Amino acid sequence: MAEPLSHYLLTMAYQNGWANHRLYKACLQLSQDEFVAPRCSFFPSIKATLNHILTVDWFYLHALECEQRGESPDPDAERFFEPAEPFASCAELRDEQAQADHRLIAYCRQLHDDQLQRYVSIVRPDWLQREQRLRLLSHLFEHQIHHRGQVHAMLSDTAVRPPQLDEFFCEEEAHLRAQDFAELGWSEGLIWGR
């Protein structure tokens, strides 16, 4: 029997949290000077890129959670981008990103396939955007993957070895994630229901 699409989204939320965990373990090895150093990428530093991932997560998670609670869209949602870089240190960012990752997992845990087409409204500066839950979550996951890849590339220009981020949850590779899962307090059964 095939897994429902809603369960796949939940596994993506866990994979997102796991990838962030691995990326931050590497970034925490950087000095503050290396963390903020100008680099060649869409955003000009590792610090700027990690802040961007977090603020975009806040923005979309807030919209998803408002819809879930039956609340009107937030007319002040753009506040999540002011300032553009709310955190100066990697440790602060790691803690805030972990909280956002837990919120995304909790959100995906309550989803059911028959609810994925529900619309979420997002107040933009000059229009009201309406997107289906499924499409919005897919966009959010892709956004995170895209910018984590940029941080990965920027790490390649430092003494810190970039972590493996392109693994998913292959059954026979559980041993490769066992330490990370222990650090996160997760298990294979928690994610896969086995």
Protein backbone atom coordinates (compact mmCIF):
# COMPACT_ATOMS: atom_id res chain seq x y z
CA MET A 1 0.00 0.00 0.00
CA ALA A 2 1.38 3.39 -0.99
CA GLU A 3 2.10 6.00 1.66
CA PRO A 4 -0.28 8.97 1.53
CA LEU A 5 1.00 12.22 0.07
CA SER A 6 0.54 13.91 3.46
CA HIS A 7 3.00 11.43 4.97
CA TYR A 8 5.50 12.23 2.24
CA LEU A 9 5.23 15.92 3.18
CA LEU A 10 5.90 14.98 6.79
CA THR A 11 9.02 13.05 5.78
CA MET A 12 10.14 16.12 3.81
CA ALA A 13 9.69 18.26 6.93
CA TYR A 14 11.85 15.83 8.88
CA GLN A 15 14.42 15.73 6.08
CA ASN A 16 14.49 19.52 6.11
CA GLY A 17 15.15 19.57 9.85
CA TRP A 18 17.84 16.92 9.51
CA ALA A 19 19.60 18.80 6.68
CA ASN A 20 19.50 22.02 8.70
CA HIS A 21 20.93 20.18 11.70
CA ARG A 22 23.83 18.87 9.62
CA LEU A 23 24.45 22.23 7.97
CA TYR A 24 24.50 24.11 11.26
CA LYS A 25 26.90 21.58 12.82
CA ALA A 26 29.34 22.55 10.07
CA CYS A 27 28.66 26.29 10.20
CA LEU A 28 29.15 26.38 13.97
CA GLN A 29 32.79 25.43 13.36
CA LEU A 30 33.39 28.74 11.58
CA SER A 31 34.82 31.75 13.37
CA GLN A 32 32.53 34.79 13.48
CA ASP A 33 34.77 36.46 10.89
CA GLU A 34 34.35 33.49 8.53
CA PHE A 35 30.62 33.39 9.22
CA VAL A 36 30.10 37.01 8.12
CA ALA A 37 32.83 37.16 5.44
CA PRO A 38 31.73 38.33 1.98
CA ARG A 39 31.30 35.39 -0.37
CA CYS A 40 30.11 34.81 -3.90
CA SER A 41 26.46 33.74 -3.85
CA PHE A 42 22.95 35.17 -4.17
CA PHE A 43 23.25 36.52 -0.62
CA PRO A 44 26.70 37.90 0.19
CA SER A 45 27.59 35.72 3.21
CA ILE A 46 26.76 32.52 5.05
CA LYS A 47 25.19 34.66 7.78
CA ALA A 48 22.95 36.49 5.31
CA THR A 49 21.86 33.27 3.60
CA LEU A 50 20.99 31.47 6.83
CA ASN A 51 19.04 34.50 8.03
CA HIS A 52 17.13 34.52 4.73
CA ILE A 53 16.20 30.84 5.05
CA LEU A 54 14.88 31.50 8.54
CA THR A 55 12.87 34.64 7.78
CA VAL A 56 11.22 33.01 4.76
CA ASP A 57 10.37 30.00 6.93
CA TRP A 58 8.78 32.34 9.49
CA PHE A 59 6.79 34.10 6.76
CA TYR A 60 5.30 30.96 5.22
CA LEU A 61 4.86 29.06 8.47
CA HIS A 62 2.90 31.98 9.89
CA ALA A 63 0.58 31.98 6.85
CA LEU A 64 0.09 28.21 7.02
CA GLU A 65 -0.60 28.29 10.76
CA CYS A 66 -3.04 31.22 10.46
CA GLU A 67 -5.04 29.30 7.85
CA GLN A 68 -4.92 26.15 9.96
CA ARG A 69 -6.39 28.05 12.94
CA GLY A 70 -9.06 29.63 10.74
CA GLU A 71 -7.63 33.13 11.19
CA SER A 72 -7.62 35.90 8.60
CA PRO A 73 -4.37 36.43 6.72
CA ASP A 74 -1.94 38.67 8.57
CA PRO A 75 -1.83 42.13 6.95
CA ASP A 76 1.59 42.72 8.55
CA ALA A 77 3.31 39.50 7.44
CA GLU A 78 6.13 41.41 5.75
CA ARG A 79 7.41 42.24 9.26
CA PHE A 80 9.22 38.89 9.21
CA PHE A 81 11.70 40.45 6.75
CA GLU A 82 12.54 43.48 8.93
CA PRO A 83 15.36 43.39 9.65
CA ALA A 84 16.60 41.18 6.85
CA GLU A 85 19.23 39.64 9.15
CA PRO A 86 17.71 39.44 12.64
CA PHE A 87 20.51 37.29 14.08
CA ALA A 88 24.24 37.98 14.18
CA SER A 89 25.58 34.66 15.42
CA CYS A 90 25.42 31.15 14.05
CA ALA A 91 24.36 29.76 17.44
CA GLU A 92 21.36 32.11 17.62
CA LEU A 93 20.36 31.21 14.08
CA ARG A 94 20.71 27.50 14.77
CA ASP A 95 18.37 27.72 17.77
CA GLU A 96 15.77 29.77 15.89
CA GLN A 97 15.95 27.54 12.81
CA ALA A 98 15.45 24.45 14.98
CA GLN A 99 12.28 26.02 16.39
CA ALA A 100 11.02 26.78 12.87
CA ASP A 101 11.83 23.21 11.81
CA HIS A 102 9.81 21.83 14.73
CA ARG A 103 6.88 24.07 13.77
CA LEU A 104 7.01 22.76 10.19
CA ILE A 105 7.09 19.16 11.38
CA ALA A 106 4.13 19.80 13.71
CA TYR A 107 2.21 21.44 10.88
CA CYS A 108 2.86 18.56 8.47
CA ARG A 109 2.04 15.97 11.15
CA GLN A 110 -1.58 17.16 11.31
CA LEU A 111 -2.13 17.11 7.52
CA HIS A 112 -4.39 14.65 5.73
CA ASP A 113 -4.52 14.14 1.98
CA ASP A 114 -8.07 15.50 1.69
CA GLN A 115 -6.89 18.83 3.18
CA LEU A 116 -3.94 19.50 0.88
CA GLN A 117 -6.00 21.49 -1.64
CA ARG A 118 -7.16 24.03 0.96
CA TYR A 119 -6.09 27.57 0.16
CA VAL A 120 -3.73 29.67 2.25
CA SER A 121 -3.88 33.45 1.87
CA ILE A 122 -0.75 35.58 2.09
CA VAL A 123 -0.89 39.36 2.20
CA ARG A 124 1.72 40.76 -0.16
CA PRO A 125 2.57 44.48 -0.41
CA ASP A 126 0.24 44.97 -3.39
CA TRP A 127 -1.96 41.87 -3.64
CA LEU A 128 -3.46 38.92 -1.77
CA GLN A 129 -1.77 35.70 -2.83
CA ARG A 130 -3.78 32.49 -2.52
CA GLU A 131 -2.02 29.13 -2.79
CA GLN A 132 -3.01 25.56 -2.08
CA ARG A 133 -1.34 24.04 0.98
CA LEU A 134 0.39 21.41 -1.17
CA ARG A 135 1.87 23.96 -3.55
CA LEU A 136 2.94 26.29 -0.75
CA LEU A 137 4.69 23.48 1.14
CA SER A 138 6.39 22.31 -2.06
CA HIS A 139 7.60 25.86 -2.65
CA LEU A 140 8.88 26.14 0.91
CA PHE A 141 10.83 22.87 0.72
CA GLU A 142 12.38 23.88 -2.61
CA HIS A 143 13.33 27.29 -1.24
CA GLN A 144 15.12 25.69 1.70
CA ILE A 145 16.96 23.18 -0.49
CA HIS A 146 18.05 25.91 -2.91
CA HIS A 147 19.56 28.18 -0.28
CA ARG A 148 21.09 25.37 1.80
CA GLY A 149 22.93 24.42 -1.38
CA GLN A 150 24.32 27.94 -1.57
CA VAL A 151 25.58 27.73 2.02
CA HIS A 152 27.09 24.35 1.19
CA ALA A 153 28.97 25.90 -1.73
CA MET A 154 30.16 28.83 0.40
CA LEU A 155 31.46 26.39 3.02
CA SER A 156 33.61 24.85 0.29
CA ASP A 157 35.61 28.08 0.38
CA THR A 158 36.43 27.62 4.08
CA ALA A 159 38.45 25.13 6.12
CA VAL A 160 35.19 23.47 7.25
CA ARG A 161 34.18 20.49 5.18
CA PRO A 162 30.62 20.89 3.81
CA PRO A 163 28.32 18.19 5.15
CA GLN A 164 26.54 15.64 2.98
CA LEU A 165 23.06 17.10 2.38
CA ASP A 166 21.78 15.19 -0.64
CA GLU A 167 20.91 11.95 1.14
CA PHE A 168 17.31 11.17 1.84
CA PHE A 169 15.83 8.39 3.94
CA CYS A 170 17.01 5.23 2.19
CA GLU A 171 16.30 2.24 4.43
CA GLU A 172 19.76 0.73 4.13
CA GLU A 173 21.46 4.01 5.03
CA ALA A 174 19.90 4.43 8.48
CA HIS A 175 23.33 3.98 10.05
CA LEU A 176 24.53 7.13 8.22
CA ARG A 177 21.98 9.27 10.07
CA ALA A 178 21.87 7.45 13.41
CA GLN A 179 24.11 9.94 15.24
CA ASP A 180 22.20 12.96 13.89
CA PHE A 181 18.88 11.35 14.78
CA ALA A 182 20.13 10.64 18.31
CA GLU A 183 21.14 14.30 18.64
CA LEU A 184 17.71 15.38 17.39
CA GLY A 185 15.80 12.88 19.55
CA TRP A 186 14.28 11.22 16.47
CA SER A 187 13.96 7.60 15.40
CA GLU A 188 13.17 5.77 12.19
CA GLY A 189 9.88 4.68 13.74
CA LEU A 190 8.91 8.25 14.58
CA ILE A 191 9.18 9.24 10.92
CA TRP A 192 8.12 6.08 9.17
CA GLY A 193 5.64 4.71 11.70
CA ARG A 194 7.41 1.38 11.95
